[in-house]
Every structure is written in structure tokens, then in C-alpha cells.
Protein backbone atom coordinates (compact mmCIF):
# COMPACT_ATOMS: atom_id res chain seq x y z
CA MET A 1 116.82 75.40 107.39
CA LYS A 2 115.00 78.48 105.64
CA LYS A 3 116.19 79.77 102.73
CA ILE A 4 116.10 83.74 102.11
CA GLY A 5 116.50 85.15 98.76
CA ILE A 6 117.60 88.53 98.42
CA LEU A 7 117.12 90.44 95.17
CA GLY A 8 119.73 93.51 94.49
CA GLY A 9 122.08 91.57 97.77
CA TYR A 10 124.77 93.42 96.37
CA GLY A 11 123.57 96.51 96.63
CA LYS A 12 123.93 99.34 98.95
CA VAL A 13 120.59 98.36 100.88
CA GLY A 14 121.10 94.66 99.97
CA SER A 15 124.33 94.25 101.59
CA VAL A 16 123.16 95.47 104.89
CA ALA A 17 120.27 93.07 104.68
CA ALA A 18 122.33 89.96 103.96
CA ASP A 19 124.95 90.75 106.41
CA HIS A 20 122.22 91.23 109.27
CA LEU A 21 120.70 87.95 107.64
CA ALA A 22 124.21 86.43 107.66
CA LYS A 23 124.05 85.85 111.61
CA ILE A 24 121.49 83.81 111.87
CA ASP A 25 121.77 80.08 112.97
CA GLY A 26 120.91 77.79 110.16
CA VAL A 27 120.30 80.38 107.14
CA GLU A 28 120.47 79.69 103.45
CA LEU A 29 120.81 82.80 101.92
CA LEU A 30 120.36 83.32 98.31
CA ILE A 31 122.13 86.55 96.87
CA ALA A 32 121.03 87.36 93.18
CA GLY A 33 120.50 89.99 90.51
CA ARG A 34 120.74 91.09 87.08
CA ASN A 35 125.01 91.14 87.75
CA GLU A 36 125.77 87.30 88.59
CA SER A 37 129.14 88.39 89.23
CA ALA A 38 128.42 90.66 91.42
CA ALA A 39 125.94 88.09 93.20
CA LEU A 40 128.48 85.23 93.53
CA ASN A 41 131.23 88.00 94.71
CA ALA A 42 128.89 88.97 97.42
CA ALA A 43 127.97 85.06 98.08
CA ILE A 44 131.85 84.41 98.36
CA GLU A 45 132.41 87.33 100.81
CA LEU A 46 129.75 86.13 103.18
CA GLU A 47 130.86 82.88 103.31
CA SER A 48 134.47 84.26 104.04
CA ASN A 49 132.98 86.32 106.95
CA TYR A 50 130.75 83.70 108.37
CA ALA A 51 133.00 80.52 107.95
CA ASN A 52 133.94 79.66 111.15
CA GLU A 53 129.71 79.32 111.47
CA SER A 54 128.50 76.01 110.94
CA GLY A 55 124.94 75.07 109.32
CA LYS A 56 125.05 78.26 107.09
CA SER A 57 124.70 78.55 103.30
CA PHE A 58 125.65 81.11 101.15
CA GLN A 59 124.91 81.07 97.22
CA GLY A 60 125.11 83.79 94.28
CA ILE A 61 122.88 83.54 91.46
CA GLY A 62 121.65 85.66 88.30
CA VAL A 63 118.21 86.90 88.21
CA ASP A 64 116.74 89.16 85.87
CA VAL A 65 113.23 90.46 87.52
CA HIS A 66 111.72 91.32 84.30
CA ASP A 67 112.25 88.16 83.02
CA PRO A 68 108.96 86.15 84.07
CA SER A 69 110.78 82.79 84.02
CA SER A 70 113.59 83.96 85.47
CA LEU A 71 111.98 85.57 88.30
CA ALA A 72 109.55 82.42 88.94
CA ALA A 73 112.57 80.09 89.35
CA PHE A 74 114.05 82.34 91.91
CA CYS A 75 110.75 82.80 94.16
CA GLU A 76 110.12 78.94 93.92
CA GLN A 77 113.30 78.39 95.34
CA CYS A 78 112.90 80.77 98.56
CA ASP A 79 111.01 80.59 101.86
CA VAL A 80 111.08 84.37 101.78
CA VAL A 81 112.21 86.85 98.88
CA LEU A 82 113.27 90.20 100.14
CA ASN A 83 113.48 92.32 97.17
CA CYS A 84 116.41 95.18 97.39
CA THR A 85 115.90 95.78 93.62
CA GLY A 86 114.46 99.54 92.27
CA PRO A 87 113.61 102.02 91.56
CA THR A 88 110.11 100.55 92.96
CA ALA A 89 108.28 103.13 90.56
CA LEU A 90 109.35 100.75 87.65
CA ILE A 91 109.58 97.75 89.55
CA GLY A 92 105.84 98.28 90.73
CA ASP A 93 104.20 94.87 91.98
CA VAL A 94 106.40 92.53 89.80
CA VAL A 95 108.27 90.75 92.38
CA ALA A 96 106.19 91.04 95.11
CA ARG A 97 103.49 88.86 92.38
CA SER A 98 105.41 86.40 91.33
CA ALA A 99 106.75 85.45 95.04
CA ILE A 100 102.90 85.24 96.12
CA LEU A 101 102.40 83.15 93.06
CA ASN A 102 105.13 80.68 93.88
CA GLY A 103 104.43 80.45 97.46
CA ALA A 104 107.13 82.44 99.22
CA HIS A 105 106.76 85.01 101.54
CA PHE A 106 107.69 88.81 100.75
CA VAL A 107 109.43 91.88 102.38
CA ASP A 108 110.05 95.12 100.25
CA PRO A 109 111.74 98.42 101.57
CA GLY A 110 109.60 100.66 98.73
CA GLY A 111 106.25 101.71 100.52
CA TYR A 112 104.18 102.86 97.93
CA ASP A 113 100.32 102.28 98.74
CA TYR A 114 99.57 101.88 94.81
CA VAL A 115 101.59 98.47 94.85
CA LEU A 116 99.61 97.04 97.42
CA ASP A 117 96.89 97.96 95.91
CA GLN A 118 98.14 96.32 92.82
CA LEU A 119 98.22 93.08 94.72
CA GLU A 120 94.48 93.17 95.70
CA ASP A 121 93.55 90.19 93.31
CA LEU A 122 96.14 88.12 95.09
CA ARG A 123 94.99 88.56 98.22
CA ASP A 124 93.11 85.86 98.60
CA LYS A 125 95.78 83.43 96.98
CA ALA A 126 98.25 84.65 99.68
CA ALA A 127 95.54 83.92 102.31
CA GLU A 128 95.39 80.41 100.92
CA LYS A 129 99.05 79.85 101.46
CA ASN A 130 99.16 81.68 104.95
CA LEU A 131 101.79 84.34 103.38
CA ASN A 132 103.15 87.12 104.96
CA ILE A 133 103.94 90.50 102.45
CA CYS A 134 105.40 93.19 103.61
CA PHE A 135 105.70 96.79 102.28
CA ALA A 136 107.54 99.58 103.90
CA ALA A 137 110.18 98.01 105.67
CA GLY A 138 112.92 100.59 105.56
CA ILE A 139 114.18 103.74 107.15
CA VAL A 140 111.34 105.99 105.07
CA PRO A 141 108.79 104.76 104.68
CA GLY A 142 108.97 102.29 107.71
CA ILE A 143 111.11 103.31 110.82
CA SER A 144 109.79 107.11 110.03
CA ALA A 145 106.38 105.61 111.47
CA LEU A 146 107.64 103.51 114.37
CA LEU A 147 109.76 106.35 116.17
CA PRO A 148 106.60 108.92 116.38
CA ALA A 149 104.30 105.93 117.80
CA LEU A 150 107.43 104.96 120.31
CA ALA A 151 107.75 108.74 121.30
CA ALA A 152 104.30 109.72 121.92
CA ALA A 153 103.78 106.30 124.06
CA ASP A 154 105.33 108.35 126.70
CA PHE A 155 102.63 110.58 126.73
CA THR A 156 98.75 110.73 127.95
CA GLU A 157 98.02 114.09 126.17
CA VAL A 158 99.80 114.78 122.69
CA HIS A 159 99.19 118.51 121.51
CA THR A 160 101.67 119.09 119.20
CA LEU A 161 104.01 116.37 117.34
CA ASN A 162 106.63 117.64 113.79
CA CYS A 163 108.56 114.82 112.30
CA TYR A 164 111.58 115.55 110.77
CA PHE A 165 113.03 113.48 108.03
CA ALA A 166 116.63 114.66 107.61
CA GLY A 167 118.97 113.27 105.02
CA GLU A 168 122.57 114.52 103.74
CA ASP A 169 124.17 111.66 101.94
CA SER A 170 124.73 109.98 98.34
CA TRP A 171 121.94 109.37 96.88
CA SER A 172 121.53 106.47 93.94
CA TYR A 173 119.27 106.63 90.84
CA GLY A 174 117.11 104.67 91.89
CA SER A 175 116.17 106.34 95.33
CA ALA A 176 116.01 109.75 93.48
CA TYR A 177 114.11 108.27 90.50
CA ASP A 178 111.02 107.17 93.37
CA MET A 179 111.55 110.76 94.99
CA THR A 180 110.79 112.38 91.66
CA CYS A 181 107.78 109.83 90.96
CA GLY A 182 106.71 110.60 94.54
CA MET A 183 106.08 114.06 93.96
CA HIS A 184 103.39 113.56 91.92
CA GLU A 185 101.63 112.03 95.04
CA LEU A 186 102.79 114.76 97.35
CA SER A 187 101.45 117.75 94.65
CA GLN A 188 98.04 115.73 95.03
CA LEU A 189 98.13 115.36 98.94
CA GLY A 190 99.11 119.39 98.92
CA PRO A 191 100.96 121.13 101.96
CA CYS A 192 98.63 119.47 104.87
CA MET A 193 98.69 119.12 108.55
CA ILE A 194 96.50 117.17 111.34
CA TYR A 195 94.42 118.97 113.07
CA LYS A 196 92.13 117.02 116.09
CA GLY A 197 92.01 114.31 113.56
CA GLU A 198 91.30 116.10 110.29
CA GLU A 199 93.85 116.67 107.53
CA GLN A 200 93.75 120.64 106.90
CA LYS A 201 95.64 122.63 104.43
CA LEU A 202 98.46 124.36 105.81
CA ALA A 203 98.46 128.60 105.74
CA PHE A 204 100.39 130.03 103.56
CA PRO A 205 103.59 130.82 105.67
CA GLU A 206 103.65 127.71 106.76
CA ARG A 207 104.19 125.89 103.42
CA VAL A 208 107.67 128.17 102.80
CA ILE A 209 110.94 126.67 104.53
CA HIS A 210 112.03 127.25 107.94
CA PHE A 211 115.68 126.57 109.38
CA PRO A 212 115.44 124.44 112.62
CA THR A 213 118.38 123.48 114.66
CA LEU A 214 118.44 119.67 114.50
CA PRO A 215 120.47 117.47 117.31
CA GLU A 216 124.30 117.12 116.02
CA PRO A 217 125.80 116.39 113.25
CA MET A 218 122.72 117.52 111.39
CA GLY A 219 122.63 121.32 113.25
CA LYS A 220 121.30 124.15 111.00
CA SER A 221 118.83 122.89 108.28
CA LEU A 222 116.76 123.70 105.48
CA ALA A 223 112.70 121.93 106.28
CA GLN A 224 110.15 122.08 104.13
CA PRO A 225 106.44 120.77 104.74
CA PHE A 226 106.25 117.08 103.85
CA TYR A 227 103.13 115.25 103.91
CA THR A 228 102.73 111.70 102.78
CA LYS A 229 99.75 108.74 103.06
CA GLU A 230 102.09 106.75 106.21
CA PHE A 231 102.40 109.94 108.07
CA LYS A 232 98.53 110.60 107.72
CA ARG A 233 98.06 106.44 108.93
CA PHE A 234 100.29 106.79 112.08
CA CYS A 235 98.78 110.12 112.99
CA LYS A 236 95.42 108.28 113.28
CA HIS A 237 96.87 105.75 116.05
CA ILE A 238 98.41 109.12 118.05
CA ALA A 239 95.54 111.24 118.20
CA ALA A 240 97.75 114.41 118.33
CA GLU A 241 95.74 117.82 118.63
CA GLU A 242 98.39 119.16 115.59
CA ALA A 243 100.74 117.29 113.73
CA ARG A 244 103.20 118.29 110.97
CA CYS A 245 106.11 116.30 108.85
CA PHE A 246 109.09 118.05 107.14
CA TRP A 247 111.48 117.10 104.96
CA VAL A 248 115.14 118.55 105.60
CA ASN A 249 117.90 118.43 103.40
CA THR A 250 121.20 120.19 104.87
CA GLY A 251 122.79 119.84 101.35
CA LEU A 252 121.91 123.19 99.58
CA ALA A 253 122.91 121.71 95.93
CA PHE A 254 120.43 119.03 96.03
CA PHE A 255 117.78 121.08 98.30
CA LEU A 256 117.69 123.98 95.30
CA ALA A 257 117.21 120.90 92.70
CA LEU A 258 114.45 119.05 94.52
CA GLY A 259 113.01 122.64 94.49
CA ALA A 260 113.23 122.80 90.79
CA VAL A 261 111.55 119.57 90.27
CA ARG A 262 108.88 120.46 92.33
CA LEU A 263 108.21 124.05 90.98
CA PHE A 264 108.69 123.25 87.66
CA LYS A 265 106.58 119.60 88.14
CA LEU A 266 109.52 117.72 86.34
CA TYR A 267 107.86 114.60 87.18
CA ARG A 268 104.99 114.65 84.72
CA SER A 269 106.57 112.13 82.00
CA GLY A 270 108.95 109.36 81.90
CA SER A 271 112.20 111.26 80.19
CA GLN A 272 111.35 114.29 82.86
CA ILE A 273 111.59 111.66 85.94
CA GLU A 274 114.86 110.00 84.35
CA ARG A 275 116.27 114.04 84.02
CA SER A 276 115.28 114.76 87.40
CA ALA A 277 116.59 111.72 88.98
CA LYS A 278 120.08 112.25 87.19
CA MET A 279 120.37 116.01 88.35
CA LEU A 280 119.23 114.94 91.87
CA CYS A 281 122.32 112.28 91.79
CA ARG A 282 124.37 115.06 90.64
CA ALA A 283 123.27 117.68 93.27
CA SER A 284 123.92 115.12 95.77
CA ALA A 285 127.22 114.58 94.64
CA MET A 286 128.16 118.02 94.44
CA ASP A 287 127.07 118.49 98.27
CA GLY A 288 129.48 115.13 99.08
CA LYS A 289 132.51 117.34 97.73
CA ARG A 290 131.75 120.49 99.39
CA ARG A 291 131.55 118.60 102.60
CA PRO A 292 131.36 115.16 104.06
CA PRO A 293 128.07 113.66 104.13
CA LYS A 294 126.45 114.21 107.39
CA GLY A 295 124.30 110.81 107.34
CA TYR A 296 120.33 110.57 107.82
CA MET A 297 118.46 111.41 111.01
CA LEU A 298 114.77 111.01 112.08
CA CYS A 299 113.75 113.06 114.49
CA THR A 300 110.09 113.30 116.68
CA VAL A 301 108.98 116.94 118.90
CA ILE A 302 106.37 116.25 120.92
CA LYS A 303 104.58 118.47 123.36
CA GLY A 304 101.86 117.29 125.59
CA ILE A 305 101.13 116.11 128.84
CA CYS A 306 103.77 113.51 130.39
CA ASP A 307 104.14 112.32 134.05
CA GLY A 308 101.01 114.41 134.71
CA THR A 309 102.77 117.86 133.52
CA GLN A 310 102.98 119.82 130.10
CA LYS A 311 106.35 118.89 128.83
CA THR A 312 108.33 119.01 125.23
CA LYS A 313 110.78 116.33 124.56
CA THR A 314 112.72 115.28 121.72
CA TYR A 315 113.41 111.83 120.03
CA TRP A 316 115.57 111.30 116.97
CA LEU A 317 117.61 108.25 115.76
CA TYR A 318 120.90 108.74 113.69
CA PHE A 319 122.13 106.85 111.29
CA PRO A 320 125.41 106.99 109.03
CA ASP A 321 123.19 106.79 106.03
CA SER A 322 119.92 106.01 104.53
CA TYR A 323 120.72 102.96 103.28
CA THR A 324 121.78 101.39 106.56
CA GLY A 325 118.63 102.00 108.11
CA THR A 326 116.77 100.54 105.41
CA GLY A 327 118.91 97.26 105.11
CA LEU A 328 118.47 96.26 108.76
CA ALA A 329 114.71 97.25 109.20
CA SER A 330 114.17 95.32 105.77
CA GLY A 331 116.63 92.62 106.72
CA LEU A 332 114.92 91.99 110.56
CA MET A 333 111.42 91.89 108.96
CA ALA A 334 112.87 89.08 106.72
CA GLN A 335 114.22 87.21 109.78
CA LYS A 336 111.00 87.69 111.93
CA ILE A 337 108.83 86.21 108.71
CA ALA A 338 111.86 83.41 108.24
CA GLU A 339 111.30 82.29 111.71
CA ALA A 340 107.90 82.86 112.72
CA PRO A 341 105.48 84.13 110.19
CA SER A 342 101.97 85.17 111.16
CA GLU A 343 99.85 81.96 111.26
CA LYS A 344 97.14 84.19 109.55
CA SER A 345 98.13 85.67 105.90
CA VAL A 346 99.15 89.21 106.50
CA MET A 347 99.31 91.98 103.40
CA GLY A 348 100.43 95.20 105.14
CA PHE A 349 103.49 97.46 106.01
CA LEU A 350 105.99 97.48 108.30
CA PRO A 351 105.14 99.40 111.49
CA ASP A 352 102.05 97.25 111.68
CA MET A 353 104.08 94.18 111.60
CA VAL A 354 106.42 94.50 113.81
CA GLU A 355 107.19 96.04 117.18
CA ALA A 356 109.12 99.50 117.52
CA SER A 357 111.09 97.52 120.16
CA GLU A 358 112.26 95.10 117.70
CA ILE A 359 113.50 97.42 115.29
CA LEU A 360 115.20 99.24 118.50
CA SER A 361 116.86 96.20 119.28
CA VAL A 362 118.49 95.39 116.03
CA LEU A 363 119.66 99.14 115.74
CA GLU A 364 121.36 98.99 118.92
CA ASN A 365 123.43 96.28 118.19
CA GLU A 366 124.50 98.31 115.29
CA GLY A 367 125.27 101.09 117.36
CA ILE A 368 122.35 102.94 116.47
CA ARG A 369 120.62 104.44 119.79
CA LEU A 370 117.18 105.87 120.29
CA GLN A 371 117.97 109.34 122.05
CA VAL A 372 116.08 111.51 124.26
CA LYS A 373 116.02 115.08 125.80
CA ALA A 374 113.85 117.60 127.19
CA GLY A 375 112.82 120.50 125.47
CA GLY A 376 111.97 121.24 121.82
CA ILE A 377 114.70 122.23 118.88
């Protein structure tokens, strides 16, 4: 029986991952976090939901990721550690480092490149133990790279590719904190696109917002250029002549708050980041009161040669919220590693470690289906 430990297994992401993993035959789940009572209650609920299925075990324990001895004792019990705690910007490589040193495979929905860079000194240690270390096992980053790659496979030539990450759901403090921290990297990368394989600054008119009409239920939305290292990576594989990425938020209050954070660079100190994260959470709550949240959507529009002719096609995945997609993706990756880890040590990102078809299969089981239509948006 493989033991999978989920740190933060009672939170929004962790509970989705736990429910997915609880369906595996012979699984032993360890639900953990600082709130021992919440961990115990989550384990009891899983036990109740899956009581008729033999060979499964659910346990809740208290673990403080900021206490090295507590974290080490937890990691050494596990075959796979799934980290659903945050913010990633504060946790950094702490959990991953402890997992490697204590011989456990590791999965994290967070996908910051610098965290993987910080683990470079442990690459040989991970190789000695044949460990699989996976980051970006979430919706963005993660599935956000798999969808364009899947769509591009229908085309023999990709002339233009536009990706839209559209979200209007309730933001947690951890997610808002990471978003604010990420503004520094975005400011360094600048408003860019990929043109014939090379990074190129966007012309000034393209740097301002525009108003695409995404598939329902998103509809008319506010979009602004969004450029990340993940986008740069997957564009190399797709070989599009032109590729652009956009962050879309259909909630006006959140959009304005995020704009203020970017305009006034309210991410240059720890106190600024904390205040900005709280402001984004309040703005998200305001949007939720104004109208029901629309959920989350990944949308890719491609123009190129398909079946020998020039075509434009739109591909999208709609989620009830961002936490569902992230929980399912990270849960699948933990399952995959627990059941059949790579024979060689792997340290990388979700898109490099799982086939898009595997993710789509899990999503479809939860009623989240890839949709495709002819034409653009």
C-alpha cells in the first residue's frame, strides 16, 4: 500500500486532491497541516465517504511545515508528499527539500522556476533515491501549458496562437499573495509575445486592455497581456509564428485592484505584498457580492493549417473554480507517481511529466470536458 501525504489536505485545493486520491484502490492517505483538528475531520469525512471500500486508510495529523523536525517526521512516513500549503512565495523549497532528504517523491501545484532552481544542490540526492519531483501541477501553471500543446497537435502549421487564462472566482489569501509576488517577475519580463521563435516586446497599442468575447459563461471580458516563463517554454515546442498570452478577469473590482498593484508596484516589500494580497481578496469578495462568480476558463485560439486548409479553431476547458482544476491535476500527478514512478529520477514541471490525455481523462470523469469550435472569439 502506497502512503500519500497531503499537506494542507483540508484546504480548497487539498480537499479536491484528497477526494480524487481516496478513490484509488489500496491507498493510504495522510491528511496533514497546522490545524490538526481540521486534518482529523477531513480524514473522518473521507473514511465516511469511502467506508464500504476495503483496503483504504485515512489518517489526520498535525504538521507544521515551518518546524523542520515536524516536517521531516511527516515526510519520512510518506511514499509521496503532495504540498497544498502556501503561499508558495513564503514556503519556497522548504517542503520539497525535506521530502527529498527523507526519501519521498514530491508534487506541488506551485510552479515558480526559482523554487526548482533552489533545489539544484539536491539533484544528485534525488537521483540516488530515484525520486520524482514535480512542480506546476495545477491549473495555472500546469494545465495552462497542456491545453495549447494539445490544440496545436491538430495543426501542421501554427500561424497565430492566443491563450486566455480567464478567472472570476473567490481568491484565497495564499493565491493573492503569490499573484502579487509574481508581479515582480512579470515586470522584469515585460509585455512580450513570441514572434518566429523569438521573444519580442509588444507594440504599445497591444499593451493596453481589450475586450474579447470568450465562450460562455465568461462572455465579454477584460483582457491584458500576460507573459510568463511557462508560456515561453511551451511556445518553443509549438513553433507558432506568433503567440500571445492574456490574463482575463471578468470581475471589475479585482481587475482594478490588480491594475493598481501593477501600476504603483505594490510588491516591492513584504508589507506591501501583504497589503496588496488583502486588497485583492477584498476586491474578489466585492465581485462575488455583485454577481455570482463565473468560475475559471482556459481558452486557446489557433489559426493555421489544419487538414490541409487554413482554419481557425477555439479550444477551451471550463472549471467551476480554479481550485478544482488545481486539485485534480495535483492529485493525478501524486497518483501517477505513487502507482508507477519513473525509473529514473525526474525533477521538472507537470507538462513534461504527464500526457495531456491523462489529465483530460481525469477532468472528464468530473464533468469537465474539452470543447472545440470552428472560428475564433
